[in-house]
Amino acid sequence: MGSWASSREVTRKSWAVLKENRYLLAFPVLSFVLGLIPVAVLGIPALYFLATNHNWIALVLGILLVFAASAVAVVLQGGLVAAVDAEMSGEDSSVGQGLRRAMQHLGALIAWSAVVTVVSVLLGLVRGNGQGNVVGVLLRSVLAAAADVMWQLVTFFVVPFIVLEGASPISAVKSSASLFKQRWGQQLAGGVRIGALIGLVLILPGILLLVGGILLALLGSAAAIASGASLAVIGLVLLLIGIVISSAMRSVFSVALYRYAKDGVASAGFTTQELQDAVRIKG
């Protein structure tokens, strides 16, 4: 299968798992809602100190914000992974059971959040602040983007290893990278083919409507402001729905791909060919 066909098929089957177990969508919804707390507690003060030229205080608060938001997302992802694994094993699960299983590995998940924060800060330093000559800015952006893609790929199984195997963060990173190399070899191009359909149907239209609505509202007339605000709200809703669904499907697929990579077993309706083709290989 081609890239688009492969992404479409695994997206469809991941959605089928969510449709059959709709409570799984509660995890990314909770992640988004609870993630607003550190944004309010740390983000607003960070903006204030940035506006008043207290840059170091703003930087510290910004790093703490990234860590807190990451911790919320990782713990909820751990709960989702635990619930999906139970469902794929033929057991009944729930939001509470998934969270309880994740909480058994809370220390490792928080430690992994710290690692994610450090990597995010380092990638931000590589990107820079956009100042300097155009060529330098472009090279830094490309380098940071390439590093981020490969980091996301080799750490794809970290949360499953932590929650399902009880691994430490560093051990989970090593195991995740090793598992990819064992199953797909050394010629990884970066990326897992899932979610393109959601991006096309929900996320991209959401972004376009949000940006278009804001630009329309900036025209200044009452009619333009009303129409622009309506479009922006619709776009924001579509964007959030797309992000929630995409996040849930990616976690569902991470468990299915983890099972295949580790044991060679295709589950949840996926075929071995689909799972093998899900990871992009240089060719």
C-alpha atoms as a PDB file:
ATOM      1  CA  MET A   1       0.000   0.000   0.000  1.00  0.00           C
ATOM      2  CA  GLY A   2       1.043   3.591  -0.579  1.00  0.00           C
ATOM      3  CA  SER A   3       1.529   6.070   2.239  1.00  0.00           C
ATOM      4  CA  TRP A   4      -1.969   7.550   1.967  1.00  0.00           C
ATOM      5  CA  ALA A   5      -3.708   4.170   1.669  1.00  0.00           C
ATOM      6  CA  SER A   6      -1.739   2.776   4.609  1.00  0.00           C
ATOM      7  CA  SER A   7      -2.493   5.789   6.814  1.00  0.00           C
ATOM      8  CA  ARG A   8      -6.176   5.713   5.859  1.00  0.00           C
ATOM      9  CA  GLU A   9      -6.566   2.030   6.692  1.00  0.00           C
ATOM     10  CA  VAL A  10      -4.836   2.094  10.079  1.00  0.00           C
ATOM     11  CA  THR A  11      -6.716   5.297  10.926  1.00  0.00           C
ATOM     12  CA  ARG A  12     -10.015   3.601  10.082  1.00  0.00           C
ATOM     13  CA  LYS A  13      -9.236   0.565  12.217  1.00  0.00           C
ATOM     14  CA  SER A  14      -7.987   2.656  15.138  1.00  0.00           C
ATOM     15  CA  TRP A  15     -11.232   4.619  14.952  1.00  0.00           C
ATOM     16  CA  ALA A  16     -13.156   1.324  15.003  1.00  0.00           C
ATOM     17  CA  VAL A  17     -11.518   0.470  18.343  1.00  0.00           C
ATOM     18  CA  LEU A  18     -12.497   3.874  19.736  1.00  0.00           C
ATOM     19  CA  LYS A  19     -16.032   3.583  18.365  1.00  0.00           C
ATOM     20  CA  GLU A  20     -16.455   0.222  20.083  1.00  0.00           C
ATOM     21  CA  ASN A  21     -14.987   1.580  23.355  1.00  0.00           C
ATOM     22  CA  ARG A  22     -16.050   5.222  23.382  1.00  0.00           C
ATOM     23  CA  TYR A  23     -14.982   5.774  26.972  1.00  0.00           C
ATOM     24  CA  LEU A  24     -11.383   5.802  25.670  1.00  0.00           C
ATOM     25  CA  LEU A  25     -12.007   9.299  24.295  1.00  0.00           C
ATOM     26  CA  ALA A  26     -12.354  10.509  27.890  1.00  0.00           C
ATOM     27  CA  PHE A  27      -8.581  10.263  28.346  1.00  0.00           C
ATOM     28  CA  PRO A  28      -7.562  12.893  25.753  1.00  0.00           C
ATOM     29  CA  VAL A  29     -10.527  15.074  26.788  1.00  0.00           C
ATOM     30  CA  LEU A  30      -9.367  14.953  30.418  1.00  0.00           C
ATOM     31  CA  SER A  31      -5.817  15.634  29.252  1.00  0.00           C
ATOM     32  CA  PHE A  32      -6.956  18.788  27.467  1.00  0.00           C
ATOM     33  CA  VAL A  33      -9.159  20.031  30.311  1.00  0.00           C
ATOM     34  CA  LEU A  34      -6.610  19.351  33.068  1.00  0.00           C
ATOM     35  CA  GLY A  35      -3.878  20.796  30.867  1.00  0.00           C
ATOM     36  CA  LEU A  36      -5.629  24.166  31.088  1.00  0.00           C
ATOM     37  CA  ILE A  37      -4.762  24.347  34.798  1.00  0.00           C
ATOM     38  CA  PRO A  38      -0.987  24.805  34.361  1.00  0.00           C
ATOM     39  CA  VAL A  39      -1.696  27.173  31.467  1.00  0.00           C
ATOM     40  CA  ALA A  40      -3.729  29.385  33.817  1.00  0.00           C
ATOM     41  CA  VAL A  41      -1.455  29.005  36.849  1.00  0.00           C
ATOM     42  CA  LEU A  42       1.897  29.340  35.051  1.00  0.00           C
ATOM     43  CA  GLY A  43       1.198  30.615  31.549  1.00  0.00           C
ATOM     44  CA  ILE A  44      -0.567  33.852  32.473  1.00  0.00           C
ATOM     45  CA  PRO A  45       2.140  34.918  34.995  1.00  0.00           C
ATOM     46  CA  ALA A  46       4.803  33.970  32.429  1.00  0.00           C
ATOM     47  CA  LEU A  47       3.213  36.322  29.888  1.00  0.00           C
ATOM     48  CA  TYR A  48       3.051  39.076  32.498  1.00  0.00           C
ATOM     49  CA  PHE A  49       6.744  38.771  33.398  1.00  0.00           C
ATOM     50  CA  LEU A  50       7.646  38.596  29.707  1.00  0.00           C
ATOM     51  CA  ALA A  51       5.686  41.797  29.047  1.00  0.00           C
ATOM     52  CA  THR A  52       7.455  43.520  31.958  1.00  0.00           C
ATOM     53  CA  ASN A  53      10.905  42.436  30.715  1.00  0.00           C
ATOM     54  CA  HIS A  54      11.493  39.928  33.525  1.00  0.00           C
ATOM     55  CA  ASN A  55      12.650  37.427  30.918  1.00  0.00           C
ATOM     56  CA  TRP A  56      14.408  34.949  33.224  1.00  0.00           C
ATOM     57  CA  ILE A  57      11.366  34.603  35.464  1.00  0.00           C
ATOM     58  CA  ALA A  58       9.195  34.182  32.375  1.00  0.00           C
ATOM     59  CA  LEU A  59      11.609  31.519  31.060  1.00  0.00           C
ATOM     60  CA  VAL A  60      11.521  29.530  34.310  1.00  0.00           C
ATOM     61  CA  LEU A  61       7.724  29.705  34.433  1.00  0.00           C
ATOM     62  CA  GLY A  62       7.589  28.677  30.773  1.00  0.00           C
ATOM     63  CA  ILE A  63       9.742  25.602  31.406  1.00  0.00           C
ATOM     64  CA  LEU A  64       7.610  24.673  34.426  1.00  0.00           C
ATOM     65  CA  LEU A  65       4.523  25.093  32.241  1.00  0.00           C
ATOM     66  CA  VAL A  66       5.906  22.720  29.621  1.00  0.00           C
ATOM     67  CA  PHE A  67       6.759  20.185  32.330  1.00  0.00           C
ATOM     68  CA  ALA A  68       3.354  20.407  34.053  1.00  0.00           C
ATOM     69  CA  ALA A  69       1.423  20.182  30.774  1.00  0.00           C
ATOM     70  CA  SER A  70       3.619  17.268  29.677  1.00  0.00           C
ATOM     71  CA  ALA A  71       3.088  15.457  32.987  1.00  0.00           C
ATOM     72  CA  VAL A  72      -0.693  15.750  32.647  1.00  0.00           C
ATOM     73  CA  ALA A  73      -0.608  14.500  29.054  1.00  0.00           C
ATOM     74  CA  VAL A  74       1.782  11.606  29.778  1.00  0.00           C
ATOM     75  CA  VAL A  75      -0.144  10.307  32.806  1.00  0.00           C
ATOM     76  CA  LEU A  76      -3.435  10.404  30.881  1.00  0.00           C
ATOM     77  CA  GLN A  77      -1.740   8.727  27.922  1.00  0.00           C
ATOM     78  CA  GLY A  78      -0.537   6.034  30.300  1.00  0.00           C
ATOM     79  CA  GLY A  79      -4.099   5.463  31.466  1.00  0.00           C
ATOM     80  CA  LEU A  80      -5.291   5.241  27.873  1.00  0.00           C
ATOM     81  CA  VAL A  81      -2.545   2.787  26.929  1.00  0.00           C
ATOM     82  CA  ALA A  82      -3.433   0.599  29.939  1.00  0.00           C
ATOM     83  CA  ALA A  83      -7.140   0.615  29.047  1.00  0.00           C
ATOM     84  CA  VAL A  84      -6.474  -0.137  25.364  1.00  0.00           C
ATOM     85  CA  ASP A  85      -4.150  -2.998  26.260  1.00  0.00           C
ATOM     86  CA  ALA A  86      -6.831  -4.488  28.513  1.00  0.00           C
ATOM     87  CA  GLU A  87      -9.443  -4.219  25.762  1.00  0.00           C
ATOM     88  CA  MET A  88      -7.126  -5.801  23.192  1.00  0.00           C
ATOM     89  CA  SER A  89      -6.493  -8.637  25.650  1.00  0.00           C
ATOM     90  CA  GLY A  90     -10.223  -9.345  25.820  1.00  0.00           C
ATOM     91  CA  GLU A  91     -10.716  -7.763  29.236  1.00  0.00           C
ATOM     92  CA  ASP A  92     -13.207  -5.067  30.191  1.00  0.00           C
ATOM     93  CA  SER A  93     -11.643  -1.813  31.324  1.00  0.00           C
ATOM     94  CA  SER A  94     -12.707   1.712  32.218  1.00  0.00           C
ATOM     95  CA  VAL A  95     -11.329   5.197  32.736  1.00  0.00           C
ATOM     96  CA  GLY A  96     -10.829   4.466  36.433  1.00  0.00           C
ATOM     97  CA  GLN A  97      -9.052   1.166  35.843  1.00  0.00           C
ATOM     98  CA  GLY A  98      -6.782   2.702  33.230  1.00  0.00           C
ATOM     99  CA  LEU A  99      -5.853   5.557  35.532  1.00  0.00           C
ATOM    100  CA  ARG A 100      -5.238   3.228  38.484  1.00  0.00           C
ATOM    101  CA  ARG A 101      -2.851   1.181  36.376  1.00  0.00           C
ATOM    102  CA  ALA A 102      -1.071   4.327  35.202  1.00  0.00           C
ATOM    103  CA  MET A 103      -0.788   5.567  38.793  1.00  0.00           C
ATOM    104  CA  GLN A 104       1.156   2.414  39.660  1.00  0.00           C
ATOM    105  CA  HIS A 105       3.905   3.850  37.443  1.00  0.00           C
ATOM    106  CA  LEU A 106       3.391   7.516  38.351  1.00  0.00           C
ATOM    107  CA  GLY A 107       7.041   8.117  39.291  1.00  0.00           C
ATOM    108  CA  ALA A 108       8.325   6.767  35.973  1.00  0.00           C
ATOM    109  CA  LEU A 109       5.692   8.703  33.995  1.00  0.00           C
ATOM    110  CA  ILE A 110       6.584  11.953  35.778  1.00  0.00           C
ATOM    111  CA  ALA A 111      10.274  11.276  35.187  1.00  0.00           C
ATOM    112  CA  TRP A 112       9.515  10.682  31.497  1.00  0.00           C
ATOM    113  CA  SER A 113       7.676  14.028  31.449  1.00  0.00           C
ATOM    114  CA  ALA A 114      10.862  15.655  32.730  1.00  0.00           C
ATOM    115  CA  VAL A 115      12.849  14.030  29.908  1.00  0.00           C
ATOM    116  CA  VAL A 116      10.282  15.261  27.370  1.00  0.00           C
ATOM    117  CA  THR A 117      10.574  18.774  28.832  1.00  0.00           C
ATOM    118  CA  VAL A 118      14.364  18.784  28.574  1.00  0.00           C
ATOM    119  CA  VAL A 119      14.215  17.603  24.950  1.00  0.00           C
ATOM    120  CA  SER A 120      11.595  20.245  24.131  1.00  0.00           C
ATOM    121  CA  VAL A 121      13.788  22.976  25.618  1.00  0.00           C
ATOM    122  CA  LEU A 122      16.859  21.726  23.720  1.00  0.00           C
ATOM    123  CA  LEU A 123      14.921  21.632  20.442  1.00  0.00           C
ATOM    124  CA  GLY A 124      13.731  25.156  21.165  1.00  0.00           C
ATOM    125  CA  LEU A 125      17.342  26.268  21.632  1.00  0.00           C
ATOM    126  CA  VAL A 126      18.285  24.655  18.317  1.00  0.00           C
ATOM    127  CA  ARG A 127      15.451  26.502  16.549  1.00  0.00           C
ATOM    128  CA  GLY A 128      16.511  29.772  18.141  1.00  0.00           C
ATOM    129  CA  ASN A 129      14.416  32.909  18.336  1.00  0.00           C
ATOM    130  CA  GLY A 130      14.158  33.490  14.608  1.00  0.00           C
ATOM    131  CA  GLN A 131      16.833  36.176  14.569  1.00  0.00           C
ATOM    132  CA  GLY A 132      19.840  36.136  12.282  1.00  0.00           C
ATOM    133  CA  ASN A 133      20.243  35.547   8.575  1.00  0.00           C
ATOM    134  CA  VAL A 134      17.544  33.696   6.691  1.00  0.00           C
ATOM    135  CA  VAL A 135      19.757  30.738   5.782  1.00  0.00           C
ATOM    136  CA  GLY A 136      20.795  30.179   9.400  1.00  0.00           C
ATOM    137  CA  VAL A 137      17.234  30.396  10.670  1.00  0.00           C
ATOM    138  CA  LEU A 138      16.061  27.966   7.983  1.00  0.00           C
ATOM    139  CA  LEU A 139      18.838  25.464   8.694  1.00  0.00           C
ATOM    140  CA  ARG A 140      18.153  25.539  12.430  1.00  0.00           C
ATOM    141  CA  SER A 141      14.431  25.036  11.848  1.00  0.00           C
ATOM    142  CA  VAL A 142      15.012  22.106   9.484  1.00  0.00           C
ATOM    143  CA  LEU A 143      17.516  20.510  11.877  1.00  0.00           C
ATOM    144  CA  ALA A 144      15.182  20.903  14.856  1.00  0.00           C
ATOM    145  CA  ALA A 145      12.213  19.537  12.881  1.00  0.00           C
ATOM    146  CA  ALA A 146      14.184  16.495  11.685  1.00  0.00           C
ATOM    147  CA  ALA A 147      15.453  15.799  15.204  1.00  0.00           C
ATOM    148  CA  ASP A 148      11.935  16.124  16.602  1.00  0.00           C
ATOM    149  CA  VAL A 149      10.476  13.689  14.048  1.00  0.00           C
ATOM    150  CA  MET A 150      13.098  11.043  14.781  1.00  0.00           C
ATOM    151  CA  TRP A 151      12.747  11.579  18.540  1.00  0.00           C
ATOM    152  CA  GLN A 152       8.989  11.060  18.283  1.00  0.00           C
ATOM    153  CA  LEU A 153       9.569   7.876  16.307  1.00  0.00           C
ATOM    154  CA  VAL A 154      12.196   6.192  18.497  1.00  0.00           C
ATOM    155  CA  THR A 155      10.223   7.050  21.661  1.00  0.00           C
ATOM    156  CA  PHE A 156       6.898   5.884  20.212  1.00  0.00           C
ATOM    157  CA  PHE A 157       6.782   2.859  22.544  1.00  0.00           C
ATOM    158  CA  VAL A 158       8.100   4.546  25.685  1.00  0.00           C
ATOM    159  CA  VAL A 159       4.747   4.917  27.465  1.00  0.00           C
ATOM    160  CA  PRO A 160       3.679   1.323  26.610  1.00  0.00           C
ATOM    161  CA  PHE A 161       7.004   0.059  27.968  1.00  0.00           C
ATOM    162  CA  ILE A 162       6.578   2.076  31.178  1.00  0.00           C
ATOM    163  CA  VAL A 163       2.936   1.162  31.808  1.00  0.00           C
ATOM    164  CA  LEU A 164       2.836  -2.386  30.432  1.00  0.00           C
ATOM    165  CA  GLU A 165       6.361  -3.551  31.306  1.00  0.00           C
ATOM    166  CA  GLY A 166       7.181  -1.383  34.326  1.00  0.00           C
ATOM    167  CA  ALA A 167      10.318  -0.011  32.664  1.00  0.00           C
ATOM    168  CA  SER A 168      12.169   3.101  33.787  1.00  0.00           C
ATOM    169  CA  PRO A 169      12.181   6.083  31.361  1.00  0.00           C
ATOM    170  CA  ILE A 170      15.768   5.566  30.183  1.00  0.00           C
ATOM    171  CA  SER A 171      15.283   1.816  29.837  1.00  0.00           C
ATOM    172  CA  ALA A 172      12.010   2.450  27.972  1.00  0.00           C
ATOM    173  CA  VAL A 173      13.734   4.775  25.486  1.00  0.00           C
ATOM    174  CA  LYS A 174      16.442   2.178  24.826  1.00  0.00           C
ATOM    175  CA  SER A 175      13.873  -0.604  24.483  1.00  0.00           C
ATOM    176  CA  SER A 176      11.657   1.482  22.197  1.00  0.00           C
ATOM    177  CA  ALA A 177      14.538   2.361  19.862  1.00  0.00           C
ATOM    178  CA  SER A 178      15.814  -1.218  19.918  1.00  0.00           C
ATOM    179  CA  LEU A 179      12.367  -2.606  19.123  1.00  0.00           C
ATOM    180  CA  PHE A 180      12.057  -0.357  16.076  1.00  0.00           C
ATOM    181  CA  LYS A 181      15.475  -1.424  14.820  1.00  0.00           C
ATOM    182  CA  GLN A 182      14.736  -5.116  15.356  1.00  0.00           C
ATOM    183  CA  ARG A 183      11.421  -4.970  13.502  1.00  0.00           C
ATOM    184  CA  TRP A 184      12.095  -2.318  10.839  1.00  0.00           C
ATOM    185  CA  GLY A 185      15.892  -2.193  10.601  1.00  0.00           C
ATOM    186  CA  GLN A 186      18.194   0.812  10.511  1.00  0.00           C
ATOM    187  CA  GLN A 187      16.601   2.671   7.573  1.00  0.00           C
ATOM    188  CA  LEU A 188      13.907   4.564   9.472  1.00  0.00           C
ATOM    189  CA  ALA A 189      12.665   7.673   7.676  1.00  0.00           C
ATOM    190  CA  GLY A 190      10.679   9.004  10.627  1.00  0.00           C
ATOM    191  CA  GLY A 191       6.981   9.018  11.357  1.00  0.00           C
ATOM    192  CA  VAL A 192       4.185   6.527  11.839  1.00  0.00           C
ATOM    193  CA  ARG A 193       1.469   6.517   9.218  1.00  0.00           C
ATOM    194  CA  ILE A 194      -1.699   7.248  11.130  1.00  0.00           C
ATOM    195  CA  GLY A 195      -4.097  10.163  11.405  1.00  0.00           C
ATOM    196  CA  ALA A 196      -3.695  11.731   7.956  1.00  0.00           C
ATOM    197  CA  LEU A 197      -7.434  11.332   7.335  1.00  0.00           C
ATOM    198  CA  ILE A 198      -8.308  13.090  10.600  1.00  0.00           C
ATOM    199  CA  GLY A 199      -5.912  15.870   9.704  1.00  0.00           C
ATOM    200  CA  LEU A 200      -7.557  16.298   6.315  1.00  0.00           C
ATOM    201  CA  VAL A 201     -11.157  16.103   7.543  1.00  0.00           C
ATOM    202  CA  LEU A 202     -10.977  17.957  10.879  1.00  0.00           C
ATOM    203  CA  ILE A 203      -7.644  19.541  11.788  1.00  0.00           C
ATOM    204  CA  LEU A 204      -6.830  21.284   8.491  1.00  0.00           C
ATOM    205  CA  PRO A 205     -10.372  22.707   8.013  1.00  0.00           C
ATOM    206  CA  GLY A 206     -10.344  23.744  11.678  1.00  0.00           C
ATOM    207  CA  ILE A 207      -7.097  25.678  11.242  1.00  0.00           C
ATOM    208  CA  LEU A 208      -8.319  27.319   8.026  1.00  0.00           C
ATOM    209  CA  LEU A 209     -11.631  28.369   9.593  1.00  0.00           C
ATOM    210  CA  LEU A 210      -9.904  29.633  12.742  1.00  0.00           C
ATOM    211  CA  VAL A 211      -7.352  31.722  10.830  1.00  0.00           C
ATOM    212  CA  GLY A 212      -9.945  32.880   8.293  1.00  0.00           C
ATOM    213  CA  GLY A 213     -12.343  33.882  11.057  1.00  0.00           C
ATOM    214  CA  ILE A 214      -9.673  35.903  12.857  1.00  0.00           C
ATOM    215  CA  LEU A 215      -8.649  37.673   9.646  1.00  0.00           C
ATOM    216  CA  LEU A 216     -12.295  38.415   8.826  1.00  0.00           C
ATOM    217  CA  ALA A 217     -12.909  39.824  12.313  1.00  0.00           C
ATOM    218  CA  LEU A 218      -9.923  42.143  11.892  1.00  0.00           C
ATOM    219  CA  LEU A 219     -11.749  43.954   9.097  1.00  0.00           C
ATOM    220  CA  GLY A 220     -13.494  45.896  11.847  1.00  0.00           C
ATOM    221  CA  SER A 221     -17.140  46.108  10.797  1.00  0.00           C
ATOM    222  CA  ALA A 222     -19.824  44.677  13.078  1.00  0.00           C
ATOM    223  CA  ALA A 223     -20.904  42.123  10.467  1.00  0.00           C
ATOM    224  CA  ALA A 224     -17.319  41.055   9.825  1.00  0.00           C
ATOM    225  CA  ILE A 225     -16.597  40.676  13.545  1.00  0.00           C
ATOM    226  CA  ALA A 226     -19.750  38.590  14.088  1.00  0.00           C
ATOM    227  CA  SER A 227     -19.088  36.378  11.058  1.00  0.00           C
ATOM    228  CA  GLY A 228     -15.383  36.072  11.853  1.00  0.00           C
ATOM    229  CA  ALA A 229     -16.058  35.136  15.476  1.00  0.00           C
ATOM    230  CA  SER A 230     -18.536  32.452  14.379  1.00  0.00           C
ATOM    231  CA  LEU A 231     -16.070  30.975  11.887  1.00  0.00           C
ATOM    232  CA  ALA A 232     -13.257  31.089  14.455  1.00  0.00           C
ATOM    233  CA  VAL A 233     -15.366  29.268  17.062  1.00  0.00           C
ATOM    234  CA  ILE A 234     -16.379  26.586  14.539  1.00  0.00           C
ATOM    235  CA  GLY A 235     -12.750  26.222  13.484  1.00  0.00           C
ATOM    236  CA  LEU A 236     -11.556  25.959  17.086  1.00  0.00           C
ATOM    237  CA  VAL A 237     -14.159  23.286  17.866  1.00  0.00           C
ATOM    238  CA  LEU A 238     -13.183  21.267  14.772  1.00  0.00           C
ATOM    239  CA  LEU A 239      -9.513  21.639  15.662  1.00  0.00           C
ATOM    240  CA  LEU A 240     -10.014  20.468  19.251  1.00  0.00           C
ATOM    241  CA  ILE A 241     -12.178  17.525  18.171  1.00  0.00           C
ATOM    242  CA  GLY A 242      -9.538  16.533  15.622  1.00  0.00           C
ATOM    243  CA  ILE A 243      -6.745  16.760  18.183  1.00  0.00           C
ATOM    244  CA  VAL A 244      -8.687  14.696  20.735  1.00  0.00           C
ATOM    245  CA  ILE A 245      -9.574  11.971  18.223  1.00  0.00           C
ATOM    246  CA  SER A 246      -6.099  11.936  16.682  1.00  0.00           C
ATOM    247  CA  SER A 247      -4.450  11.671  20.108  1.00  0.00           C
ATOM    248  CA  ALA A 248      -6.708   8.796  21.136  1.00  0.00           C
ATOM    249  CA  MET A 249      -6.210   6.925  17.858  1.00  0.00           C
ATOM    250  CA  ARG A 250      -2.442   7.342  18.064  1.00  0.00           C
ATOM    251  CA  SER A 251      -2.418   5.797  21.539  1.00  0.00           C
ATOM    252  CA  VAL A 252      -4.667   2.957  20.367  1.00  0.00           C
ATOM    253  CA  PHE A 253      -2.369   2.305  17.453  1.00  0.00           C
ATOM    254  CA  SER A 254       0.750   2.552  19.638  1.00  0.00           C
ATOM    255  CA  VAL A 255      -0.497  -0.443  21.635  1.00  0.00           C
ATOM    256  CA  ALA A 256      -1.364  -2.450  18.503  1.00  0.00           C
ATOM    257  CA  LEU A 257       2.010  -1.594  16.934  1.00  0.00           C
ATOM    258  CA  TYR A 258       3.803  -2.334  20.219  1.00  0.00           C
ATOM    259  CA  ARG A 259       2.215  -5.795  20.412  1.00  0.00           C
ATOM    260  CA  TYR A 260       3.202  -6.488  16.813  1.00  0.00           C
ATOM    261  CA  ALA A 261       6.759  -5.196  17.167  1.00  0.00           C
ATOM    262  CA  LYS A 262       7.336  -7.094  20.404  1.00  0.00           C
ATOM    263  CA  ASP A 263       5.512 -10.372  19.795  1.00  0.00           C
ATOM    264  CA  GLY A 264       4.822 -10.390  16.050  1.00  0.00           C
ATOM    265  CA  VAL A 265       1.091 -10.551  16.794  1.00  0.00           C
ATOM    266  CA  ALA A 266      -1.476  -8.473  14.888  1.00  0.00           C
ATOM    267  CA  SER A 267      -4.462  -7.479  17.037  1.00  0.00           C
ATOM    268  CA  ALA A 268      -7.595  -5.311  17.010  1.00  0.00           C
ATOM    269  CA  GLY A 269      -8.361  -6.115  13.383  1.00  0.00           C
ATOM    270  CA  PHE A 270      -5.022  -4.914  12.002  1.00  0.00           C
ATOM    271  CA  THR A 271      -3.088  -7.100   9.576  1.00  0.00           C
ATOM    272  CA  THR A 272       0.633  -7.783   9.879  1.00  0.00           C
ATOM    273  CA  GLN A 273       1.190  -6.035   6.532  1.00  0.00           C
ATOM    274  CA  GLU A 274      -0.574  -2.876   7.727  1.00  0.00           C
ATOM    275  CA  LEU A 275       1.450  -2.814  10.926  1.00  0.00           C
ATOM    276  CA  GLN A 276       4.702  -3.485   9.078  1.00  0.00           C
ATOM    277  CA  ASP A 277       3.960  -0.708   6.564  1.00  0.00           C
ATOM    278  CA  ALA A 278       2.939   1.779   9.264  1.00  0.00           C
ATOM    279  CA  VAL A 279       6.533   2.878   9.874  1.00  0.00           C
ATOM    280  CA  ARG A 280       8.194   4.858   7.119  1.00  0.00           C
ATOM    281  CA  ILE A 281      11.371   3.277   5.760  1.00  0.00           C
ATOM    282  CA  LYS A 282      13.955   4.982   3.571  1.00  0.00           C
ATOM    283  CA  GLY A 283      13.774   3.617   0.091  1.00  0.00           C
END
